[in-house]
């Protein structure tokens, strides 16, 4: 399937469902991630991204949170959310990460097709087994597992 077909599939999902999810497998030097496309357009809610979780699980988490948004939840004002055993929080992604870099390449193509730029985005930040979250970008214990995309 070519890029045009993928963009068309995403556009169709957004028209029919309200959003779509891109789950990306990282290479040996980077981690997996997943993000939503369409929440801003359909629900006036920031898009969502999760980093450092295996792509299939990451996609499922974004999907579950997108469903909450479709039911009226505003994750900007949300505390801790539990998905199975995972504890999740939400942090605003720095605009530089939204506009540049590889995190949202496909999403930016989809939005450009609709005449829009990539919107505000929230990072879904997950806690480790001890309930600890990364606090600052570049923390050595977290940098390769869950890099923060915040300013």
N, C-alpha and C. Protein backbone atom coordinates (compact mmCIF):
# COMPACT_ATOMS: atom_id res chain seq x y z
N UNK A 1 0.85 -1.17 0.00
CA UNK A 1 0.00 0.00 0.00
C UNK A 1 0.89 1.24 0.00
N UNK A 2 0.65 2.15 -0.92
CA UNK A 2 1.43 3.37 -1.02
C UNK A 2 0.96 4.44 -0.06
N UNK A 3 1.75 5.50 0.03
CA UNK A 3 1.44 6.60 0.95
C UNK A 3 0.08 7.21 0.65
N UNK A 4 -0.22 7.40 -0.64
CA UNK A 4 -1.52 7.97 -1.02
C UNK A 4 -2.67 7.12 -0.47
N UNK A 5 -2.55 5.80 -0.60
CA UNK A 5 -3.60 4.90 -0.11
C UNK A 5 -3.76 4.99 1.41
N UNK A 6 -2.64 5.08 2.11
CA UNK A 6 -2.68 5.18 3.57
C UNK A 6 -3.35 6.49 3.99
N UNK A 7 -2.97 7.59 3.34
CA UNK A 7 -3.60 8.88 3.63
C UNK A 7 -5.09 8.82 3.36
N UNK A 8 -5.49 8.20 2.26
CA UNK A 8 -6.91 8.04 1.93
C UNK A 8 -7.64 7.22 3.00
N UNK A 9 -7.00 6.14 3.47
CA UNK A 9 -7.62 5.32 4.53
C UNK A 9 -7.83 6.13 5.80
N UNK A 10 -6.83 6.93 6.16
CA UNK A 10 -6.95 7.76 7.36
C UNK A 10 -8.06 8.79 7.18
N UNK A 11 -8.10 9.43 6.02
CA UNK A 11 -9.13 10.43 5.74
C UNK A 11 -10.52 9.81 5.82
N UNK A 12 -10.67 8.61 5.29
CA UNK A 12 -11.96 7.90 5.35
C UNK A 12 -12.33 7.55 6.79
N UNK A 13 -11.36 7.06 7.57
CA UNK A 13 -11.62 6.76 8.99
C UNK A 13 -12.09 8.00 9.74
N UNK A 14 -11.43 9.12 9.49
CA UNK A 14 -11.80 10.37 10.18
C UNK A 14 -13.22 10.77 9.80
N UNK A 15 -13.57 10.63 8.52
CA UNK A 15 -14.92 10.99 8.08
C UNK A 15 -15.97 10.06 8.69
N UNK A 16 -15.65 8.78 8.81
CA UNK A 16 -16.64 7.80 9.28
C UNK A 16 -16.67 7.64 10.80
N UNK A 17 -15.49 7.66 11.43
CA UNK A 17 -15.38 7.34 12.86
C UNK A 17 -15.07 8.58 13.70
N UNK A 18 -14.33 9.52 13.11
CA UNK A 18 -13.94 10.73 13.83
C UNK A 18 -12.44 10.82 14.07
N UNK A 19 -11.74 9.71 13.95
CA UNK A 19 -10.29 9.68 14.15
C UNK A 19 -9.73 8.39 13.57
N UNK A 20 -8.40 8.35 13.52
CA UNK A 20 -7.69 7.13 13.19
C UNK A 20 -6.45 7.08 14.07
N UNK A 21 -5.80 5.94 14.11
CA UNK A 21 -4.61 5.78 14.95
C UNK A 21 -3.47 5.23 14.09
N UNK A 22 -2.31 5.87 14.21
CA UNK A 22 -1.09 5.37 13.57
C UNK A 22 -0.22 4.76 14.66
N UNK A 23 0.12 3.49 14.52
CA UNK A 23 1.03 2.80 15.45
C UNK A 23 2.31 2.52 14.68
N UNK A 24 3.44 2.97 15.23
CA UNK A 24 4.71 2.93 14.52
C UNK A 24 5.71 2.09 15.30
N UNK A 25 6.31 1.11 14.62
CA UNK A 25 7.37 0.30 15.23
C UNK A 25 8.69 1.02 15.04
N UNK A 26 9.39 1.27 16.13
CA UNK A 26 10.69 1.91 16.05
C UNK A 26 11.74 0.94 15.54
N UNK A 27 12.90 1.48 15.25
CA UNK A 27 14.01 0.62 14.84
C UNK A 27 14.87 0.31 16.06
N UNK A 28 16.03 -0.27 15.85
CA UNK A 28 16.86 -0.68 17.00
C UNK A 28 17.41 0.50 17.79
N UNK A 29 17.33 1.70 17.23
CA UNK A 29 17.83 2.87 17.95
C UNK A 29 16.71 3.71 18.56
N UNK A 30 15.47 3.31 18.34
CA UNK A 30 14.36 4.10 18.86
C UNK A 30 13.22 3.22 19.33
N UNK A 31 12.29 3.83 20.02
CA UNK A 31 11.17 3.10 20.60
C UNK A 31 9.93 3.18 19.70
N UNK A 32 8.96 2.33 19.99
CA UNK A 32 7.68 2.36 19.29
C UNK A 32 6.84 3.52 19.81
N UNK A 33 5.84 3.92 19.02
CA UNK A 33 4.90 4.93 19.45
C UNK A 33 3.61 4.81 18.64
N UNK A 34 2.59 5.51 19.11
CA UNK A 34 1.31 5.57 18.39
C UNK A 34 0.68 6.93 18.66
N UNK A 35 -0.11 7.39 17.70
CA UNK A 35 -0.78 8.68 17.86
C UNK A 35 -2.10 8.71 17.11
N UNK A 36 -2.95 9.62 17.52
CA UNK A 36 -4.25 9.80 16.89
C UNK A 36 -4.15 10.83 15.77
N UNK A 37 -5.08 10.74 14.84
CA UNK A 37 -5.25 11.74 13.79
C UNK A 37 -6.75 11.96 13.65
N UNK A 38 -7.21 13.18 13.89
CA UNK A 38 -8.61 13.50 13.69
C UNK A 38 -9.35 14.01 14.92
N UNK A 39 -8.79 13.83 16.11
CA UNK A 39 -9.49 14.30 17.32
C UNK A 39 -9.66 15.81 17.31
N UNK A 40 -8.65 16.52 16.84
CA UNK A 40 -8.72 17.98 16.77
C UNK A 40 -9.83 18.41 15.82
N UNK A 41 -9.86 17.80 14.66
CA UNK A 41 -10.84 18.15 13.63
C UNK A 41 -12.27 17.80 14.06
N UNK A 42 -12.45 16.62 14.62
CA UNK A 42 -13.80 16.12 14.93
C UNK A 42 -14.32 16.59 16.28
N UNK A 43 -13.46 16.65 17.29
CA UNK A 43 -13.91 16.92 18.66
C UNK A 43 -13.29 18.17 19.27
N UNK A 44 -12.50 18.93 18.49
CA UNK A 44 -11.82 20.10 19.02
C UNK A 44 -11.02 19.75 20.27
N UNK A 45 -10.34 18.62 20.20
CA UNK A 45 -9.53 18.11 21.31
C UNK A 45 -8.12 17.86 20.78
N UNK A 46 -7.09 18.09 21.57
CA UNK A 46 -5.74 17.81 21.09
C UNK A 46 -5.59 16.35 20.65
N UNK A 47 -4.71 16.14 19.68
CA UNK A 47 -4.36 14.78 19.29
C UNK A 47 -3.62 14.13 20.46
N UNK A 48 -3.41 12.82 20.40
CA UNK A 48 -2.77 12.07 21.47
C UNK A 48 -1.59 11.29 20.91
N UNK A 49 -0.54 11.16 21.71
CA UNK A 49 0.60 10.32 21.35
C UNK A 49 1.08 9.59 22.61
N UNK A 50 1.50 8.35 22.43
CA UNK A 50 2.17 7.60 23.50
C UNK A 50 3.45 7.04 22.92
N UNK A 51 4.52 7.09 23.70
CA UNK A 51 5.85 6.71 23.25
C UNK A 51 6.42 5.65 24.19
N UNK A 52 7.12 4.67 23.64
CA UNK A 52 7.86 3.72 24.46
C UNK A 52 7.09 2.48 24.88
N UNK A 53 5.94 2.26 24.28
CA UNK A 53 5.15 1.05 24.51
C UNK A 53 5.10 0.32 23.18
N UNK A 54 5.14 -1.02 23.19
CA UNK A 54 5.08 -1.77 21.93
C UNK A 54 3.94 -1.25 21.07
N UNK A 55 4.19 -1.12 19.76
CA UNK A 55 3.25 -0.48 18.84
C UNK A 55 1.82 -1.00 18.96
N UNK A 56 1.56 -2.31 19.00
CA UNK A 56 0.16 -2.75 19.11
C UNK A 56 -0.52 -2.27 20.40
N UNK A 57 0.19 -2.34 21.52
CA UNK A 57 -0.38 -1.86 22.78
C UNK A 57 -0.52 -0.34 22.75
N UNK A 58 0.48 0.34 22.22
CA UNK A 58 0.41 1.80 22.11
C UNK A 58 -0.82 2.21 21.31
N UNK A 59 -1.05 1.54 20.18
CA UNK A 59 -2.23 1.84 19.37
C UNK A 59 -3.52 1.60 20.12
N UNK A 60 -3.57 0.51 20.89
CA UNK A 60 -4.78 0.19 21.66
C UNK A 60 -5.03 1.24 22.75
N UNK A 61 -3.97 1.74 23.37
CA UNK A 61 -4.13 2.77 24.40
C UNK A 61 -4.64 4.06 23.78
N UNK A 62 -4.05 4.47 22.66
CA UNK A 62 -4.52 5.69 21.99
C UNK A 62 -5.98 5.52 21.57
N UNK A 63 -6.32 4.35 21.05
CA UNK A 63 -7.70 4.07 20.65
C UNK A 63 -8.66 4.20 21.85
N UNK A 64 -8.27 3.62 22.98
CA UNK A 64 -9.11 3.69 24.18
C UNK A 64 -9.30 5.13 24.66
N UNK A 65 -8.22 5.92 24.61
CA UNK A 65 -8.32 7.31 25.04
C UNK A 65 -9.13 8.14 24.04
N UNK A 66 -9.00 7.83 22.74
CA UNK A 66 -9.79 8.53 21.72
C UNK A 66 -11.28 8.23 21.91
N UNK A 67 -11.60 7.02 22.30
CA UNK A 67 -13.00 6.68 22.57
C UNK A 67 -13.53 7.50 23.75
N UNK A 68 -12.69 7.71 24.77
CA UNK A 68 -13.10 8.57 25.90
C UNK A 68 -13.39 9.99 25.41
N UNK A 69 -12.51 10.50 24.53
CA UNK A 69 -12.72 11.84 23.97
C UNK A 69 -14.04 11.87 23.20
N UNK A 70 -14.32 10.83 22.41
CA UNK A 70 -15.56 10.80 21.62
C UNK A 70 -16.80 10.76 22.51
N UNK A 71 -16.62 10.31 23.75
CA UNK A 71 -17.73 10.27 24.73
C UNK A 71 -17.82 11.55 25.55
N UNK A 72 -16.95 12.53 25.24
CA UNK A 72 -17.03 13.82 25.90
C UNK A 72 -15.92 14.14 26.89
N UNK A 73 -14.99 13.23 27.12
CA UNK A 73 -13.90 13.49 28.07
C UNK A 73 -12.94 14.53 27.49
N UNK A 74 -12.44 15.41 28.35
CA UNK A 74 -11.40 16.36 27.97
C UNK A 74 -10.15 15.96 28.74
N UNK A 75 -9.21 15.35 28.05
CA UNK A 75 -8.02 14.81 28.71
C UNK A 75 -7.03 15.89 29.13
N UNK A 76 -7.25 17.13 28.69
CA UNK A 76 -6.40 18.23 29.15
C UNK A 76 -6.61 18.46 30.64
N UNK A 77 -7.78 18.17 31.12
CA UNK A 77 -8.15 18.44 32.52
C UNK A 77 -8.19 17.17 33.35
N UNK A 78 -7.54 16.14 32.87
CA UNK A 78 -7.66 14.81 33.46
C UNK A 78 -6.47 14.54 34.38
N UNK A 79 -6.71 13.87 35.47
CA UNK A 79 -5.63 13.43 36.34
C UNK A 79 -5.07 12.12 35.83
N UNK A 80 -4.89 11.19 36.71
CA UNK A 80 -4.38 9.87 36.35
C UNK A 80 -5.53 9.00 35.84
N UNK A 81 -5.28 8.30 34.75
CA UNK A 81 -6.24 7.36 34.16
C UNK A 81 -5.62 5.99 34.21
N UNK A 82 -6.41 4.98 34.50
CA UNK A 82 -5.92 3.60 34.51
C UNK A 82 -6.47 2.86 33.30
N UNK A 83 -5.58 2.20 32.58
CA UNK A 83 -5.95 1.30 31.48
C UNK A 83 -5.32 -0.03 31.84
N UNK A 84 -6.14 -0.98 32.28
CA UNK A 84 -5.59 -2.22 32.80
C UNK A 84 -4.68 -1.87 33.97
N UNK A 85 -3.47 -2.43 34.01
CA UNK A 85 -2.56 -2.13 35.10
C UNK A 85 -1.76 -0.84 34.90
N UNK A 86 -1.92 -0.19 33.75
CA UNK A 86 -1.12 1.00 33.45
C UNK A 86 -1.75 2.26 34.04
N UNK A 87 -0.87 3.11 34.61
CA UNK A 87 -1.27 4.43 35.09
C UNK A 87 -0.81 5.45 34.06
N UNK A 88 -1.72 6.30 33.62
CA UNK A 88 -1.43 7.25 32.56
C UNK A 88 -1.74 8.67 33.00
N UNK A 89 -0.91 9.62 32.53
CA UNK A 89 -1.15 11.05 32.71
C UNK A 89 -0.98 11.71 31.35
N UNK A 90 -1.35 12.98 31.25
CA UNK A 90 -1.33 13.68 29.96
C UNK A 90 -0.55 14.98 30.10
N UNK A 91 0.37 15.22 29.14
CA UNK A 91 1.17 16.44 29.14
C UNK A 91 1.19 17.03 27.74
N UNK A 92 1.15 18.34 27.66
CA UNK A 92 1.16 19.03 26.37
C UNK A 92 2.50 18.80 25.66
N UNK A 93 2.44 18.45 24.39
CA UNK A 93 3.64 18.26 23.57
C UNK A 93 4.12 19.63 23.10
N UNK A 94 5.42 19.84 23.15
CA UNK A 94 6.02 21.08 22.68
C UNK A 94 5.72 21.27 21.19
N UNK A 95 5.40 22.49 20.80
CA UNK A 95 5.07 22.80 19.41
C UNK A 95 6.16 22.43 18.43
N UNK A 96 7.42 22.46 18.85
CA UNK A 96 8.52 22.08 17.97
C UNK A 96 8.41 20.61 17.56
N UNK A 97 8.05 19.75 18.50
CA UNK A 97 7.86 18.33 18.16
C UNK A 97 6.66 18.15 17.24
N UNK A 98 5.64 18.98 17.41
CA UNK A 98 4.45 18.88 16.56
C UNK A 98 4.74 19.29 15.12
N UNK A 99 5.58 20.30 14.95
CA UNK A 99 5.80 20.85 13.61
C UNK A 99 6.98 20.24 12.88
N UNK A 100 7.90 19.62 13.60
CA UNK A 100 9.10 19.07 12.97
C UNK A 100 9.40 17.69 13.53
N UNK A 101 10.39 17.04 12.96
CA UNK A 101 10.77 15.72 13.43
C UNK A 101 9.89 14.64 12.83
N UNK A 102 10.12 13.41 13.24
CA UNK A 102 9.45 12.26 12.63
C UNK A 102 8.22 11.78 13.37
N UNK A 103 7.90 12.32 14.52
CA UNK A 103 6.84 11.77 15.35
C UNK A 103 5.49 11.73 14.65
N UNK A 104 5.18 12.74 13.84
CA UNK A 104 3.83 12.86 13.26
C UNK A 104 3.86 12.93 11.73
N UNK A 105 4.83 12.30 11.08
CA UNK A 105 4.95 12.43 9.62
C UNK A 105 3.67 12.08 8.88
N UNK A 106 3.13 10.91 9.12
CA UNK A 106 1.91 10.50 8.43
C UNK A 106 0.75 11.42 8.79
N UNK A 107 0.63 11.74 10.05
CA UNK A 107 -0.44 12.64 10.49
C UNK A 107 -0.37 13.99 9.82
N UNK A 108 0.84 14.53 9.65
CA UNK A 108 0.99 15.82 8.98
C UNK A 108 0.56 15.72 7.52
N UNK A 109 0.85 14.58 6.86
CA UNK A 109 0.39 14.38 5.48
C UNK A 109 -1.13 14.36 5.41
N UNK A 110 -1.76 13.66 6.33
CA UNK A 110 -3.23 13.59 6.36
C UNK A 110 -3.81 14.98 6.58
N UNK A 111 -3.27 15.71 7.55
CA UNK A 111 -3.78 17.05 7.84
C UNK A 111 -3.55 17.99 6.67
N UNK A 112 -2.40 17.89 6.01
CA UNK A 112 -2.12 18.73 4.85
C UNK A 112 -3.13 18.46 3.74
N UNK A 113 -3.51 17.21 3.57
CA UNK A 113 -4.53 16.84 2.58
C UNK A 113 -5.85 17.56 2.88
N UNK A 114 -6.08 17.86 4.15
CA UNK A 114 -7.30 18.56 4.57
C UNK A 114 -7.09 20.07 4.68
N UNK A 115 -5.90 20.53 4.27
CA UNK A 115 -5.61 21.96 4.32
C UNK A 115 -5.29 22.48 5.70
N UNK A 116 -4.81 21.61 6.58
CA UNK A 116 -4.54 21.99 7.97
C UNK A 116 -3.11 21.61 8.34
N UNK A 117 -2.59 22.26 9.38
CA UNK A 117 -1.28 21.88 9.92
C UNK A 117 -1.51 21.00 11.15
N UNK A 118 -0.41 20.39 11.63
CA UNK A 118 -0.55 19.50 12.78
C UNK A 118 -0.95 20.31 14.01
N UNK A 119 -1.97 19.86 14.76
CA UNK A 119 -2.52 20.64 15.88
C UNK A 119 -1.83 20.36 17.21
N UNK A 120 -2.35 21.02 18.22
CA UNK A 120 -1.94 20.78 19.61
C UNK A 120 -2.06 19.28 19.90
N UNK A 121 -1.12 18.76 20.69
CA UNK A 121 -1.08 17.33 20.97
C UNK A 121 -0.75 17.10 22.44
N UNK A 122 -1.35 16.07 23.02
CA UNK A 122 -1.04 15.65 24.39
C UNK A 122 -0.26 14.35 24.34
N UNK A 123 0.81 14.28 25.13
CA UNK A 123 1.53 13.01 25.29
C UNK A 123 0.90 12.24 26.43
N UNK A 124 0.58 10.99 26.15
CA UNK A 124 0.11 10.07 27.19
C UNK A 124 1.37 9.53 27.85
N UNK A 125 1.60 9.90 29.09
CA UNK A 125 2.81 9.51 29.81
C UNK A 125 2.46 8.38 30.77
N UNK A 126 3.22 7.30 30.70
CA UNK A 126 2.92 6.12 31.52
C UNK A 126 3.92 5.99 32.67
N UNK A 127 3.43 5.42 33.77
CA UNK A 127 4.27 5.19 34.95
C UNK A 127 4.95 3.84 34.85
N UNK A 128 6.11 3.72 35.51
CA UNK A 128 6.77 2.41 35.57
C UNK A 128 6.07 1.54 36.62
N UNK A 129 6.60 0.35 36.84
CA UNK A 129 5.96 -0.61 37.76
C UNK A 129 5.89 -0.08 39.19
N UNK A 130 6.73 0.89 39.53
CA UNK A 130 6.73 1.48 40.87
C UNK A 130 5.88 2.75 40.95
N UNK A 131 5.15 3.06 39.89
CA UNK A 131 4.29 4.24 39.89
C UNK A 131 5.02 5.54 39.63
N UNK A 132 6.27 5.47 39.16
CA UNK A 132 7.05 6.68 38.88
C UNK A 132 6.87 7.09 37.42
N UNK A 133 6.79 8.41 37.21
CA UNK A 133 6.69 8.99 35.87
C UNK A 133 7.97 9.75 35.55
N UNK A 134 8.32 9.87 34.28
CA UNK A 134 9.42 10.77 33.94
C UNK A 134 8.99 12.20 34.25
N UNK A 135 9.90 13.00 34.76
CA UNK A 135 9.56 14.36 35.17
C UNK A 135 10.11 15.42 34.23
N UNK A 136 11.25 15.14 33.59
CA UNK A 136 11.89 16.15 32.74
C UNK A 136 12.45 15.49 31.48
N UNK A 137 12.44 16.21 30.36
CA UNK A 137 13.03 15.65 29.14
C UNK A 137 14.49 15.27 29.36
N UNK A 138 14.91 14.16 28.78
CA UNK A 138 16.31 13.76 28.83
C UNK A 138 16.75 13.04 30.09
N UNK A 139 15.84 12.73 31.00
CA UNK A 139 16.23 12.00 32.20
C UNK A 139 16.86 10.67 31.80
N UNK A 140 18.06 10.37 32.31
CA UNK A 140 18.76 9.15 31.87
C UNK A 140 17.97 7.87 32.06
N UNK A 141 17.22 7.75 33.14
CA UNK A 141 16.45 6.53 33.38
C UNK A 141 15.30 6.35 32.40
N UNK A 142 14.88 7.43 31.76
CA UNK A 142 13.70 7.38 30.90
C UNK A 142 13.99 7.66 29.43
N UNK A 143 15.11 8.29 29.13
CA UNK A 143 15.34 8.83 27.79
C UNK A 143 15.11 7.83 26.67
N UNK A 144 15.61 6.61 26.80
CA UNK A 144 15.45 5.62 25.74
C UNK A 144 14.13 4.85 25.85
N UNK A 145 13.52 4.83 27.02
CA UNK A 145 12.26 4.09 27.20
C UNK A 145 11.04 4.93 26.85
N UNK A 146 11.04 6.18 27.32
CA UNK A 146 9.88 7.05 27.13
C UNK A 146 10.33 8.51 27.07
N UNK A 147 10.88 8.92 25.94
CA UNK A 147 11.29 10.32 25.85
C UNK A 147 10.09 11.26 25.96
N UNK A 148 10.25 12.31 26.74
CA UNK A 148 9.17 13.30 26.86
C UNK A 148 9.26 14.28 25.71
N UNK A 149 8.13 14.60 25.12
CA UNK A 149 8.06 15.53 23.99
C UNK A 149 7.54 16.88 24.46
N UNK A 150 7.89 17.25 25.67
CA UNK A 150 7.43 18.49 26.28
C UNK A 150 8.55 19.51 26.29
N UNK A 151 8.18 20.79 26.38
CA UNK A 151 9.16 21.87 26.38
C UNK A 151 9.70 22.15 27.75
